[in-house]
Every structure is written in C-alpha cells, then in structure tokens.
C-alpha cells in the first residue's frame, strides 16, 4: 500500500476532516516539517486547545497551502 503523498512547509495549515457528521474539522499550524522534502511527520499546534504534537497524516487530512508565509510558490 502506498503512503499519503503530502508536501508542506512551516506555517501552513493542516486540516483533518471530522470523523462524524456534525463535528468540526481539526485545524493546526505546522511548526516543523520532520520528513524529507516537505513530507510527514509534522509537528503541529492544534487550534482550539493549543496542544502541540507530532502528526502522521492519513487520507482524511490535507494541507491548506494558501497564505503560507514560508511558501515559495
């Protein structure tokens, strides 16, 4: 099985779809990219509670690339 192909830079937002209908998506700011060439894992600070943790995204997550201060493209 092939892994999730993601590319992110510090400062971008990570969004995880809600597991249940009616629940809000989880949104966090990527503080560090620990994989090669923008690949996971990511150190993320989650909005809402401010919890920081290492995150390995799955198919229910995506990177919000717009308005990233560190984006080069």
PDB file of N, CA and C in Angstrom:
ATOM      1  N   UNK A   1       0.840  -1.174   0.000  1.00  0.00           N
ATOM      2  CA  UNK A   1       0.000   0.000   0.000  1.00  0.00           C
ATOM      3  C   UNK A   1       0.887   1.240   0.000  1.00  0.00           C
ATOM      4  N   UNK A   2       0.579   2.180  -0.849  1.00  0.00           N
ATOM      5  CA  UNK A   2       1.349   3.400  -0.969  1.00  0.00           C
ATOM      6  C   UNK A   2       0.946   4.398   0.103  1.00  0.00           C
ATOM      7  N   UNK A   3       1.921   5.198   0.604  1.00  0.00           N
ATOM      8  CA  UNK A   3       1.645   6.205   1.620  1.00  0.00           C
ATOM      9  C   UNK A   3       0.987   7.434   1.032  1.00  0.00           C
ATOM     10  N   UNK A   4       0.573   8.314   1.906  1.00  0.00           N
ATOM     11  CA  UNK A   4      -0.045   9.567   1.509  1.00  0.00           C
ATOM     12  C   UNK A   4       1.047  10.490   0.981  1.00  0.00           C
ATOM     13  N   UNK A   5       0.827  11.084  -0.197  1.00  0.00           N
ATOM     14  CA  UNK A   5       1.800  11.988  -0.783  1.00  0.00           C
ATOM     15  C   UNK A   5       1.440  13.419  -0.400  1.00  0.00           C
ATOM     16  N   UNK A   6       2.120  13.952   0.608  1.00  0.00           N
ATOM     17  CA  UNK A   6       1.880  15.309   1.075  1.00  0.00           C
ATOM     18  C   UNK A   6       3.171  16.084   1.022  1.00  0.00           C
ATOM     19  N   UNK A   7       3.019  17.388   0.831  1.00  0.00           N
ATOM     20  CA  UNK A   7       4.164  18.288   0.865  1.00  0.00           C
ATOM     21  C   UNK A   7       3.726  19.545   1.599  1.00  0.00           C
ATOM     22  N   UNK A   8       4.474  19.934   2.614  1.00  0.00           N
ATOM     23  CA  UNK A   8       4.125  21.110   3.403  1.00  0.00           C
ATOM     24  C   UNK A   8       5.384  21.870   3.784  1.00  0.00           C
ATOM     25  N   UNK A   9       5.171  23.115   4.182  1.00  0.00           N
ATOM     26  CA  UNK A   9       6.242  23.937   4.725  1.00  0.00           C
ATOM     27  C   UNK A   9       5.759  24.527   6.048  1.00  0.00           C
ATOM     28  N   UNK A  10       6.700  24.923   6.860  1.00  0.00           N
ATOM     29  CA  UNK A  10       6.403  25.548   8.138  1.00  0.00           C
ATOM     30  C   UNK A  10       5.452  26.723   7.920  1.00  0.00           C
ATOM     31  N   UNK A  11       4.440  26.808   8.774  1.00  0.00           N
ATOM     32  CA  UNK A  11       3.484  27.907   8.707  1.00  0.00           C
ATOM     33  C   UNK A  11       2.194  27.571   7.991  1.00  0.00           C
ATOM     34  N   UNK A  12       2.179  26.486   7.213  1.00  0.00           N
ATOM     35  CA  UNK A  12       0.935  26.107   6.535  1.00  0.00           C
ATOM     36  C   UNK A  12      -0.021  25.459   7.526  1.00  0.00           C
ATOM     37  N   UNK A  13      -1.294  25.399   7.119  1.00  0.00           N
ATOM     38  CA  UNK A  13      -2.314  24.793   7.959  1.00  0.00           C
ATOM     39  C   UNK A  13      -2.559  23.349   7.551  1.00  0.00           C
ATOM     40  N   UNK A  14      -2.738  22.506   8.554  1.00  0.00           N
ATOM     41  CA  UNK A  14      -3.103  21.112   8.352  1.00  0.00           C
ATOM     42  C   UNK A  14      -4.553  20.967   8.792  1.00  0.00           C
ATOM     43  N   UNK A  15      -5.381  20.395   7.925  1.00  0.00           N
ATOM     44  CA  UNK A  15      -6.804  20.222   8.213  1.00  0.00           C
ATOM     45  C   UNK A  15      -7.118  18.730   8.202  1.00  0.00           C
ATOM     46  N   UNK A  16      -7.792  18.275   9.254  1.00  0.00           N
ATOM     47  CA  UNK A  16      -8.215  16.872   9.353  1.00  0.00           C
ATOM     48  C   UNK A  16      -9.736  16.855   9.389  1.00  0.00           C
ATOM     49  N   UNK A  17     -10.329  16.173   8.415  1.00  0.00           N
ATOM     50  CA  UNK A  17     -11.791  16.076   8.344  1.00  0.00           C
ATOM     51  C   UNK A  17     -12.343  15.431   9.612  1.00  0.00           C
ATOM     52  N   UNK A  18     -13.526  15.856  10.005  1.00  0.00           N
ATOM     53  CA  UNK A  18     -14.192  15.297  11.182  1.00  0.00           C
ATOM     54  C   UNK A  18     -14.556  13.836  10.936  1.00  0.00           C
ATOM     55  N   UNK A  19     -14.484  13.055  11.988  1.00  0.00           N
ATOM     56  CA  UNK A  19     -14.807  11.633  11.887  1.00  0.00           C
ATOM     57  C   UNK A  19     -16.311  11.376  11.864  1.00  0.00           C
ATOM     58  N   UNK A  20     -17.092  12.313  12.406  1.00  0.00           N
ATOM     59  CA  UNK A  20     -18.533  12.141  12.486  1.00  0.00           C
ATOM     60  C   UNK A  20     -19.243  13.350  11.890  1.00  0.00           C
ATOM     61  N   UNK A  21     -20.374  13.109  11.278  1.00  0.00           N
ATOM     62  CA  UNK A  21     -21.187  14.184  10.713  1.00  0.00           C
ATOM     63  C   UNK A  21     -21.560  15.161  11.826  1.00  0.00           C
ATOM     64  N   UNK A  22     -21.395  16.442  11.544  1.00  0.00           N
ATOM     65  CA  UNK A  22     -21.725  17.473  12.517  1.00  0.00           C
ATOM     66  C   UNK A  22     -20.545  17.921  13.365  1.00  0.00           C
ATOM     67  N   UNK A  23     -19.481  17.129  13.411  1.00  0.00           N
ATOM     68  CA  UNK A  23     -18.282  17.525  14.148  1.00  0.00           C
ATOM     69  C   UNK A  23     -17.462  18.490  13.303  1.00  0.00           C
ATOM     70  N   UNK A  24     -16.712  19.348  13.962  1.00  0.00           N
ATOM     71  CA  UNK A  24     -15.837  20.290  13.256  1.00  0.00           C
ATOM     72  C   UNK A  24     -14.528  19.608  12.866  1.00  0.00           C
ATOM     73  N   UNK A  25     -13.952  20.088  11.781  1.00  0.00           N
ATOM     74  CA  UNK A  25     -12.632  19.600  11.379  1.00  0.00           C
ATOM     75  C   UNK A  25     -11.591  20.103  12.368  1.00  0.00           C
ATOM     76  N   UNK A  26     -10.495  19.350  12.525  1.00  0.00           N
ATOM     77  CA  UNK A  26      -9.364  19.803  13.332  1.00  0.00           C
ATOM     78  C   UNK A  26      -8.440  20.600  12.433  1.00  0.00           C
ATOM     79  N   UNK A  27      -7.967  21.732  12.936  1.00  0.00           N
ATOM     80  CA  UNK A  27      -7.066  22.582  12.167  1.00  0.00           C
ATOM     81  C   UNK A  27      -5.863  22.894  13.037  1.00  0.00           C
ATOM     82  N   UNK A  28      -4.688  22.807  12.430  1.00  0.00           N
ATOM     83  CA  UNK A  28      -3.477  23.121  13.166  1.00  0.00           C
ATOM     84  C   UNK A  28      -2.455  23.800  12.284  1.00  0.00           C
ATOM     85  N   UNK A  29      -1.518  24.478  12.924  1.00  0.00           N
ATOM     86  CA  UNK A  29      -0.419  25.130  12.215  1.00  0.00           C
ATOM     87  C   UNK A  29       0.798  24.221  12.251  1.00  0.00           C
ATOM     88  N   UNK A  30       1.432  24.043  11.104  1.00  0.00           N
ATOM     89  CA  UNK A  30       2.636  23.225  11.024  1.00  0.00           C
ATOM     90  C   UNK A  30       3.804  24.052  11.547  1.00  0.00           C
ATOM     91  N   UNK A  31       4.387  23.583  12.644  1.00  0.00           N
ATOM     92  CA  UNK A  31       5.515  24.270  13.271  1.00  0.00           C
ATOM     93  C   UNK A  31       6.848  23.781  12.736  1.00  0.00           C
ATOM     94  N   UNK A  32       6.921  22.486  12.401  1.00  0.00           N
ATOM     95  CA  UNK A  32       8.143  21.880  11.854  1.00  0.00           C
ATOM     96  C   UNK A  32       7.764  20.780  10.875  1.00  0.00           C
ATOM     97  N   UNK A  33       8.563  20.642   9.844  1.00  0.00           N
ATOM     98  CA  UNK A  33       8.438  19.533   8.901  1.00  0.00           C
ATOM     99  C   UNK A  33       9.603  18.605   9.194  1.00  0.00           C
ATOM    100  N   UNK A  34       9.320  17.394   9.626  1.00  0.00           N
ATOM    101  CA  UNK A  34      10.384  16.478  10.039  1.00  0.00           C
ATOM    102  C   UNK A  34      10.781  15.470   8.973  1.00  0.00           C
ATOM    103  N   UNK A  35       9.965  15.340   7.928  1.00  0.00           N
ATOM    104  CA  UNK A  35      10.294  14.428   6.843  1.00  0.00           C
ATOM    105  C   UNK A  35      11.130  15.132   5.785  1.00  0.00           C
ATOM    106  N   UNK A  36      11.612  14.363   4.825  1.00  0.00           N
ATOM    107  CA  UNK A  36      12.405  14.911   3.726  1.00  0.00           C
ATOM    108  C   UNK A  36      11.507  15.607   2.711  1.00  0.00           C
ATOM    109  N   UNK A  37      11.967  16.713   2.169  1.00  0.00           N
ATOM    110  CA  UNK A  37      11.283  17.423   1.086  1.00  0.00           C
ATOM    111  C   UNK A  37       9.817  17.732   1.393  1.00  0.00           C
ATOM    112  N   UNK A  38       9.530  18.154   2.618  1.00  0.00           N
ATOM    113  CA  UNK A  38       8.176  18.551   2.978  1.00  0.00           C
ATOM    114  C   UNK A  38       7.246  17.417   3.349  1.00  0.00           C
ATOM    115  N   UNK A  39       7.780  16.216   3.428  1.00  0.00           N
ATOM    116  CA  UNK A  39       6.956  15.047   3.745  1.00  0.00           C
ATOM    117  C   UNK A  39       6.737  14.928   5.255  1.00  0.00           C
ATOM    118  N   UNK A  40       5.682  14.216   5.675  1.00  0.00           N
ATOM    119  CA  UNK A  40       5.432  13.979   7.100  1.00  0.00           C
ATOM    120  C   UNK A  40       6.566  13.166   7.730  1.00  0.00           C
ATOM    121  N   UNK A  41       6.636  13.199   9.047  1.00  0.00           N
ATOM    122  CA  UNK A  41       5.681  13.746  10.012  1.00  0.00           C
ATOM    123  C   UNK A  41       5.842  15.252  10.185  1.00  0.00           C
ATOM    124  N   UNK A  42       4.800  15.855  10.777  1.00  0.00           N
ATOM    125  CA  UNK A  42       4.774  17.287  11.040  1.00  0.00           C
ATOM    126  C   UNK A  42       4.558  17.533  12.527  1.00  0.00           C
ATOM    127  N   UNK A  43       5.255  18.528  13.048  1.00  0.00           N
ATOM    128  CA  UNK A  43       4.971  18.999  14.399  1.00  0.00           C
ATOM    129  C   UNK A  43       3.887  20.060  14.243  1.00  0.00           C
ATOM    130  N   UNK A  44       2.738  19.826  14.877  1.00  0.00           N
ATOM    131  CA  UNK A  44       1.554  20.660  14.660  1.00  0.00           C
ATOM    132  C   UNK A  44       1.066  21.237  15.991  1.00  0.00           C
ATOM    133  N   UNK A  45       0.691  22.532  15.961  1.00  0.00           N
ATOM    134  CA  UNK A  45      -0.001  23.150  17.096  1.00  0.00           C
ATOM    135  C   UNK A  45      -1.465  23.264  16.697  1.00  0.00           C
ATOM    136  N   UNK A  46      -2.324  22.554  17.423  1.00  0.00           N
ATOM    137  CA  UNK A  46      -3.746  22.493  17.092  1.00  0.00           C
ATOM    138  C   UNK A  46      -4.475  23.712  17.621  1.00  0.00           C
ATOM    139  N   UNK A  47      -5.320  24.311  16.776  1.00  0.00           N
ATOM    140  CA  UNK A  47      -6.132  25.447  17.223  1.00  0.00           C
ATOM    141  C   UNK A  47      -7.169  24.928  18.209  1.00  0.00           C
ATOM    142  N   UNK A  48      -7.714  25.814  18.962  1.00  0.00           N
ATOM    143  CA  UNK A  48      -8.698  25.410  19.966  1.00  0.00           C
ATOM    144  C   UNK A  48      -8.039  25.222  21.317  1.00  0.00           C
ATOM    145  N   UNK A  49      -7.254  24.153  21.470  1.00  0.00           N
ATOM    146  CA  UNK A  49      -6.632  23.888  22.770  1.00  0.00           C
ATOM    147  C   UNK A  49      -5.140  24.201  22.803  1.00  0.00           C
ATOM    148  N   UNK A  50      -4.526  24.484  21.647  1.00  0.00           N
ATOM    149  CA  UNK A  50      -3.111  24.821  21.604  1.00  0.00           C
ATOM    150  C   UNK A  50      -2.164  23.639  21.801  1.00  0.00           C
ATOM    151  N   UNK A  51      -2.727  22.428  21.854  1.00  0.00           N
ATOM    152  CA  UNK A  51      -1.908  21.220  22.017  1.00  0.00           C
ATOM    153  C   UNK A  51      -0.918  21.106  20.865  1.00  0.00           C
ATOM    154  N   UNK A  52       0.305  20.715  21.174  1.00  0.00           N
ATOM    155  CA  UNK A  52       1.331  20.510  20.161  1.00  0.00           C
ATOM    156  C   UNK A  52       1.712  19.043  20.142  1.00  0.00           C
ATOM    157  N   UNK A  53       1.813  18.475  18.938  1.00  0.00           N
ATOM    158  CA  UNK A  53       2.192  17.078  18.835  1.00  0.00           C
ATOM    159  C   UNK A  53       2.685  16.715  17.450  1.00  0.00           C
ATOM    160  N   UNK A  54       3.361  15.585  17.370  1.00  0.00           N
ATOM    161  CA  UNK A  54       3.854  15.058  16.110  1.00  0.00           C
ATOM    162  C   UNK A  54       2.697  14.345  15.415  1.00  0.00           C
ATOM    163  N   UNK A  55       2.480  14.649  14.138  1.00  0.00           N
ATOM    164  CA  UNK A  55       1.320  14.118  13.428  1.00  0.00           C
ATOM    165  C   UNK A  55       1.741  13.449  12.132  1.00  0.00           C
ATOM    166  N   UNK A  56       1.226  12.248  11.918  1.00  0.00           N
ATOM    167  CA  UNK A  56       1.426  11.480  10.693  1.00  0.00           C
ATOM    168  C   UNK A  56       0.083  11.432   9.971  1.00  0.00           C
ATOM    169  N   UNK A  57      -0.151  12.308   8.983  1.00  0.00           N
ATOM    170  CA  UNK A  57      -1.471  12.395   8.355  1.00  0.00           C
ATOM    171  C   UNK A  57      -1.868  11.140   7.584  1.00  0.00           C
ATOM    172  N   UNK A  58      -3.185  10.937   7.527  1.00  0.00           N
ATOM    173  CA  UNK A  58      -3.741   9.853   6.716  1.00  0.00           C
ATOM    174  C   UNK A  58      -4.620  10.480   5.641  1.00  0.00           C
ATOM    175  N   UNK A  59      -5.423   9.674   4.994  1.00  0.00           N
ATOM    176  CA  UNK A  59      -6.220  10.144   3.863  1.00  0.00           C
ATOM    177  C   UNK A  59      -7.316  11.136   4.254  1.00  0.00           C
ATOM    178  N   UNK A  60      -7.586  11.299   5.540  1.00  0.00           N
ATOM    179  CA  UNK A  60      -8.609  12.249   5.964  1.00  0.00           C
ATOM    180  C   UNK A  60      -8.034  13.642   6.238  1.00  0.00           C
ATOM    181  N   UNK A  61      -6.769  13.864   5.885  1.00  0.00           N
ATOM    182  CA  UNK A  61      -6.113  15.150   6.145  1.00  0.00           C
ATOM    183  C   UNK A  61      -5.606  15.763   4.848  1.00  0.00           C
ATOM    184  N   UNK A  62      -5.497  17.096   4.866  1.00  0.00           N
ATOM    185  CA  UNK A  62      -4.890  17.794   3.731  1.00  0.00           C
ATOM    186  C   UNK A  62      -4.183  19.049   4.215  1.00  0.00           C
ATOM    187  N   UNK A  63      -3.283  19.560   3.388  1.00  0.00           N
ATOM    188  CA  UNK A  63      -2.546  20.780   3.684  1.00  0.00           C
ATOM    189  C   UNK A  63      -3.249  21.945   2.996  1.00  0.00           C
ATOM    190  N   UNK A  64      -3.511  23.001   3.765  1.00  0.00           N
ATOM    191  CA  UNK A  64      -4.080  24.223   3.212  1.00  0.00           C
ATOM    192  C   UNK A  64      -2.889  25.118   2.848  1.00  0.00           C
ATOM    193  N   UNK A  65      -2.548  25.159   1.557  1.00  0.00           N
ATOM    194  CA  UNK A  65      -1.354  25.855   1.101  1.00  0.00           C
ATOM    195  C   UNK A  65      -1.526  27.363   0.965  1.00  0.00           C
ATOM    196  N   UNK A  66      -2.738  27.869   0.927  1.00  0.00           N
ATOM    197  CA  UNK A  66      -2.921  29.301   0.686  1.00  0.00           C
ATOM    198  C   UNK A  66      -2.474  30.137   1.883  1.00  0.00           C
ATOM    199  N   UNK A  67      -1.915  31.300   1.547  1.00  0.00           N
ATOM    200  CA  UNK A  67      -1.481  32.290   2.527  1.00  0.00           C
ATOM    201  C   UNK A  67      -0.437  31.767   3.498  1.00  0.00           C
ATOM    202  N   UNK A  68       0.435  30.898   3.054  1.00  0.00           N
ATOM    203  CA  UNK A  68       1.510  30.400   3.899  1.00  0.00           C
ATOM    204  C   UNK A  68       2.689  31.368   3.846  1.00  0.00           C
ATOM    205  N   UNK A  69       3.161  31.868   4.998  1.00  0.00           N
ATOM    206  CA  UNK A  69       4.251  32.821   4.983  1.00  0.00           C
ATOM    207  C   UNK A  69       5.574  32.248   4.488  1.00  0.00           C
ATOM    208  N   UNK A  70       5.789  30.944   4.633  1.00  0.00           N
ATOM    209  CA  UNK A  70       7.042  30.346   4.213  1.00  0.00           C
ATOM    210  C   UNK A  70       6.959  29.668   2.847  1.00  0.00           C
ATOM    211  N   UNK A  71       5.822  29.770   2.170  1.00  0.00           N
ATOM    212  CA  UNK A  71       5.630  29.123   0.882  1.00  0.00           C
ATOM    213  C   UNK A  71       6.428  29.837  -0.207  1.00  0.00           C
ATOM    214  N   UNK A  72       7.023  29.060  -1.076  1.00  0.00           N
ATOM    215  CA  UNK A  72       7.827  29.643  -2.143  1.00  0.00           C
ATOM    216  C   UNK A  72       7.099  29.633  -3.473  1.00  0.00           C
ATOM    217  N   UNK A  73       5.843  29.204  -3.494  1.00  0.00           N
ATOM    218  CA  UNK A  73       5.236  29.102  -4.785  1.00  0.00           C
ATOM    219  C   UNK A  73       3.884  29.533  -4.891  1.00  0.00           C
TER     220      UNK A  73
END
